[in-house]
Amino acid sequence: MGRGEGKKLSGLSAQDLLDHGDIEMRSWILLLGAVGKTPAKVLAYEPFYRAIMGMAVAYWELEN
């Protein structure tokens, strides 16, 4: 997301997401389709090891 390469994620199948526990990634893929190649400005990221995930805060500067 930080490099504007979200299109790469669109190649993941539903089974890929299920097999690797990344079902929430579907929502991110939808968002990344809307912002296109615009890279995200990542403000913070904290790994959450007990849940095998992370929490992040980011935004996209989009033109009208």
Protein backbone atom coordinates (compact mmCIF):
# COMPACT_ATOMS: atom_id res chain seq x y z
CA MET A 1 0.00 0.00 0.00
CA GLY A 2 2.82 2.37 0.83
CA ARG A 3 4.33 1.83 -2.64
CA GLY A 4 1.08 2.13 -4.60
CA GLU A 5 1.25 -1.50 -5.72
CA GLY A 6 -2.23 -2.59 -4.63
CA LYS A 7 -3.03 -4.11 -8.01
CA LYS A 8 -0.74 -7.03 -7.14
CA LEU A 9 -3.20 -8.06 -4.42
CA SER A 10 -6.04 -8.35 -6.92
CA GLY A 11 -4.46 -11.57 -8.16
CA LEU A 12 -5.18 -13.37 -4.89
CA SER A 13 -8.04 -15.84 -5.06
CA ALA A 14 -10.73 -16.28 -2.42
CA GLN A 15 -9.05 -19.56 -1.50
CA ASP A 16 -5.65 -17.82 -1.12
CA LEU A 17 -7.21 -15.42 1.37
CA LEU A 18 -8.95 -18.19 3.29
CA ASP A 19 -5.84 -20.37 3.40
CA HIS A 20 -3.69 -17.61 4.87
CA GLY A 21 -6.15 -16.02 7.28
CA ASP A 22 -6.32 -12.74 5.39
CA ILE A 23 -10.07 -12.61 4.79
CA GLU A 24 -10.13 -8.93 5.86
CA MET A 25 -7.82 -8.21 2.93
CA ARG A 26 -10.88 -8.27 0.63
CA SER A 27 -11.91 -4.86 1.98
CA TRP A 28 -8.41 -3.49 1.45
CA ILE A 29 -8.31 -4.80 -2.12
CA LEU A 30 -11.56 -2.95 -2.82
CA LEU A 31 -10.14 0.28 -1.38
CA LEU A 32 -6.89 -0.10 -3.30
CA GLY A 33 -8.87 -0.51 -6.51
CA ALA A 34 -10.47 2.87 -5.82
CA VAL A 35 -7.22 4.74 -5.07
CA GLY A 36 -5.31 3.17 -7.96
CA LYS A 37 -1.54 3.62 -7.95
CA THR A 38 -1.61 6.37 -5.34
CA PRO A 39 0.73 5.30 -2.53
CA ALA A 40 -0.53 5.44 1.04
CA LYS A 41 1.07 7.72 3.60
CA VAL A 42 1.60 5.33 6.51
CA LEU A 43 1.59 7.20 9.81
CA ALA A 44 1.95 4.29 12.20
CA TYR A 45 2.13 0.50 12.29
CA GLU A 46 2.15 -1.77 15.33
CA PRO A 47 2.43 -5.55 15.08
CA PHE A 48 -0.11 -7.40 17.19
CA TYR A 49 1.65 -10.71 17.68
CA ARG A 50 -0.97 -12.41 19.88
CA ALA A 51 -3.51 -12.14 17.07
CA ILE A 52 -0.96 -12.62 14.24
CA MET A 53 -1.87 -9.28 12.68
CA GLY A 54 -1.00 -5.62 12.81
CA MET A 55 -2.72 -2.30 13.26
CA ALA A 56 -1.96 0.66 11.02
CA VAL A 57 -2.99 4.24 10.35
CA ALA A 58 -2.60 5.52 6.80
CA TYR A 59 -4.16 7.95 4.35
CA TRP A 60 -4.13 8.66 0.64
CA GLU A 61 -3.75 12.12 -0.92
CA LEU A 62 -6.20 11.95 -3.81
CA GLU A 63 -6.91 14.54 -6.47
CA ASN A 64 -10.45 15.61 -7.35
